[in-house]
């Protein structure tokens, strides 16, 4: 376990590069836009299914 942790820190020091501030900002905007779109799509599907279920149970009565 200790060896794994040491190797992980070595890899972080020598092999990992962080994106620039501008690139990070661009990626953050992309993630935010897709998150909003996915939330809206989920809300839309939920609304449609809710209406269909309500219509189904209304026709049973």
N, C-alpha and C. Protein backbone atom coordinates (compact mmCIF):
# COMPACT_ATOMS: atom_id res chain seq x y z
N UNK A 1 0.83 -1.19 0.00
CA UNK A 1 0.00 0.00 0.00
C UNK A 1 0.88 1.26 0.00
N UNK A 2 1.92 1.24 0.79
CA UNK A 2 2.83 2.40 0.85
C UNK A 2 3.49 2.61 -0.51
N UNK A 3 3.89 1.52 -1.15
CA UNK A 3 4.53 1.61 -2.47
C UNK A 3 3.56 2.21 -3.48
N UNK A 4 2.32 1.80 -3.43
CA UNK A 4 1.30 2.33 -4.33
C UNK A 4 1.16 3.84 -4.15
N UNK A 5 1.11 4.30 -2.92
CA UNK A 5 0.96 5.73 -2.64
C UNK A 5 2.19 6.50 -3.13
N UNK A 6 3.37 5.97 -2.88
CA UNK A 6 4.60 6.63 -3.34
C UNK A 6 4.63 6.73 -4.87
N UNK A 7 4.27 5.63 -5.53
CA UNK A 7 4.26 5.64 -7.00
C UNK A 7 3.21 6.60 -7.54
N UNK A 8 2.09 6.71 -6.86
CA UNK A 8 1.05 7.63 -7.29
C UNK A 8 1.53 9.08 -7.21
N UNK A 9 2.21 9.43 -6.13
CA UNK A 9 2.74 10.78 -6.00
C UNK A 9 3.83 11.06 -7.03
N UNK A 10 4.66 10.07 -7.31
CA UNK A 10 5.70 10.24 -8.33
C UNK A 10 5.06 10.47 -9.70
N UNK A 11 4.02 9.73 -10.00
CA UNK A 11 3.34 9.91 -11.27
C UNK A 11 2.71 11.29 -11.36
N UNK A 12 2.12 11.75 -10.27
CA UNK A 12 1.54 13.10 -10.26
C UNK A 12 2.60 14.16 -10.50
N UNK A 13 3.77 13.98 -9.92
CA UNK A 13 4.85 14.96 -10.07
C UNK A 13 5.40 15.00 -11.49
N UNK A 14 5.55 13.84 -12.11
CA UNK A 14 6.30 13.78 -13.37
C UNK A 14 5.45 13.59 -14.62
N UNK A 15 4.26 13.03 -14.51
CA UNK A 15 3.50 12.68 -15.71
C UNK A 15 2.22 13.47 -15.91
N UNK A 16 1.76 14.17 -14.89
CA UNK A 16 0.48 14.87 -14.98
C UNK A 16 0.72 16.35 -15.24
N UNK A 17 0.02 16.88 -16.24
CA UNK A 17 0.10 18.33 -16.50
C UNK A 17 -1.30 18.91 -16.36
N UNK A 18 -1.39 20.04 -15.72
CA UNK A 18 -2.67 20.70 -15.53
C UNK A 18 -2.96 21.62 -16.70
N UNK A 19 -4.21 21.75 -17.10
CA UNK A 19 -4.55 22.67 -18.19
C UNK A 19 -4.38 24.12 -17.74
N UNK A 20 -4.27 24.99 -18.72
CA UNK A 20 -4.13 26.42 -18.40
C UNK A 20 -5.45 26.94 -17.85
N UNK A 21 -5.38 28.14 -17.31
CA UNK A 21 -6.58 28.76 -16.73
C UNK A 21 -7.64 28.98 -17.80
N UNK A 22 -7.23 29.41 -18.98
CA UNK A 22 -8.18 29.66 -20.07
C UNK A 22 -8.85 28.35 -20.52
N UNK A 23 -8.06 27.31 -20.66
CA UNK A 23 -8.60 26.02 -21.06
C UNK A 23 -9.56 25.48 -20.00
N UNK A 24 -9.20 25.65 -18.74
CA UNK A 24 -10.08 25.21 -17.65
C UNK A 24 -11.40 25.96 -17.67
N UNK A 25 -11.35 27.25 -17.94
CA UNK A 25 -12.58 28.06 -18.02
C UNK A 25 -13.46 27.60 -19.17
N UNK A 26 -12.85 27.34 -20.33
CA UNK A 26 -13.61 26.86 -21.48
C UNK A 26 -14.27 25.52 -21.18
N UNK A 27 -13.53 24.62 -20.57
CA UNK A 27 -14.08 23.31 -20.24
C UNK A 27 -15.20 23.42 -19.21
N UNK A 28 -15.05 24.35 -18.27
CA UNK A 28 -16.09 24.55 -17.26
C UNK A 28 -17.38 25.02 -17.90
N UNK A 29 -17.28 25.91 -18.88
CA UNK A 29 -18.47 26.40 -19.58
C UNK A 29 -19.14 25.26 -20.34
N UNK A 30 -18.34 24.44 -21.00
CA UNK A 30 -18.89 23.31 -21.75
C UNK A 30 -19.62 22.35 -20.81
N UNK A 31 -19.01 22.04 -19.68
CA UNK A 31 -19.64 21.14 -18.70
C UNK A 31 -20.93 21.75 -18.17
N UNK A 32 -20.93 23.04 -17.89
CA UNK A 32 -22.13 23.70 -17.37
C UNK A 32 -23.26 23.67 -18.40
N UNK A 33 -22.94 23.94 -19.66
CA UNK A 33 -23.96 23.94 -20.71
C UNK A 33 -24.55 22.54 -20.87
N UNK A 34 -23.71 21.52 -20.94
CA UNK A 34 -24.23 20.16 -21.10
C UNK A 34 -25.00 19.71 -19.86
N UNK A 35 -24.60 20.15 -18.69
CA UNK A 35 -25.34 19.81 -17.47
C UNK A 35 -26.73 20.41 -17.50
N UNK A 36 -26.83 21.66 -17.94
CA UNK A 36 -28.14 22.31 -18.04
C UNK A 36 -29.00 21.62 -19.09
N UNK A 37 -28.41 21.29 -20.24
CA UNK A 37 -29.17 20.60 -21.29
C UNK A 37 -29.65 19.23 -20.81
N UNK A 38 -28.80 18.50 -20.12
CA UNK A 38 -29.19 17.19 -19.61
C UNK A 38 -30.30 17.32 -18.57
N UNK A 39 -30.20 18.34 -17.71
CA UNK A 39 -31.25 18.56 -16.70
C UNK A 39 -32.57 18.90 -17.37
N UNK A 40 -32.53 19.73 -18.41
CA UNK A 40 -33.76 20.07 -19.13
C UNK A 40 -34.35 18.85 -19.84
N UNK A 41 -33.51 18.02 -20.42
CA UNK A 41 -33.99 16.80 -21.08
C UNK A 41 -34.62 15.86 -20.06
N UNK A 42 -33.99 15.71 -18.90
CA UNK A 42 -34.54 14.86 -17.84
C UNK A 42 -35.88 15.40 -17.36
N UNK A 43 -35.96 16.71 -17.18
CA UNK A 43 -37.22 17.34 -16.76
C UNK A 43 -38.31 17.11 -17.81
N UNK A 44 -37.96 17.23 -19.09
CA UNK A 44 -38.92 17.03 -20.16
C UNK A 44 -39.46 15.60 -20.19
N UNK A 45 -38.57 14.63 -20.09
CA UNK A 45 -39.00 13.23 -20.10
C UNK A 45 -39.85 12.94 -18.87
N UNK A 46 -39.46 13.46 -17.72
CA UNK A 46 -40.23 13.28 -16.50
C UNK A 46 -41.63 13.87 -16.63
N UNK A 47 -41.72 15.04 -17.22
CA UNK A 47 -43.01 15.70 -17.41
C UNK A 47 -43.91 14.88 -18.35
N UNK A 48 -43.34 14.40 -19.45
CA UNK A 48 -44.12 13.60 -20.39
C UNK A 48 -44.61 12.32 -19.73
N UNK A 49 -43.74 11.61 -19.03
CA UNK A 49 -44.16 10.38 -18.36
C UNK A 49 -45.20 10.66 -17.28
N UNK A 50 -45.05 11.75 -16.58
CA UNK A 50 -46.03 12.12 -15.56
C UNK A 50 -47.40 12.35 -16.18
N UNK A 51 -47.44 13.08 -17.30
CA UNK A 51 -48.71 13.33 -17.98
C UNK A 51 -49.32 12.03 -18.50
N UNK A 52 -48.47 11.14 -19.05
CA UNK A 52 -48.98 9.87 -19.56
C UNK A 52 -49.56 8.99 -18.45
N UNK A 53 -48.88 8.94 -17.33
CA UNK A 53 -49.36 8.14 -16.20
C UNK A 53 -50.66 8.73 -15.66
N UNK A 54 -50.71 10.06 -15.56
CA UNK A 54 -51.92 10.71 -15.08
C UNK A 54 -53.08 10.45 -16.04
N UNK A 55 -52.83 10.53 -17.34
CA UNK A 55 -53.86 10.26 -18.33
C UNK A 55 -54.34 8.80 -18.23
N UNK A 56 -53.42 7.88 -18.05
CA UNK A 56 -53.76 6.46 -17.93
C UNK A 56 -54.68 6.21 -16.72
N UNK A 57 -54.31 6.78 -15.57
CA UNK A 57 -55.12 6.54 -14.37
C UNK A 57 -56.44 7.30 -14.42
N UNK A 58 -56.49 8.43 -15.13
CA UNK A 58 -57.75 9.15 -15.29
C UNK A 58 -58.73 8.36 -16.16
N UNK A 59 -58.20 7.62 -17.15
CA UNK A 59 -59.08 6.84 -18.01
C UNK A 59 -59.59 5.58 -17.31
N UNK A 60 -58.89 5.12 -16.26
CA UNK A 60 -59.34 3.95 -15.53
C UNK A 60 -60.55 4.25 -14.67
N UNK A 61 -60.70 5.49 -14.25
CA UNK A 61 -61.82 5.86 -13.36
C UNK A 61 -63.06 6.08 -14.11
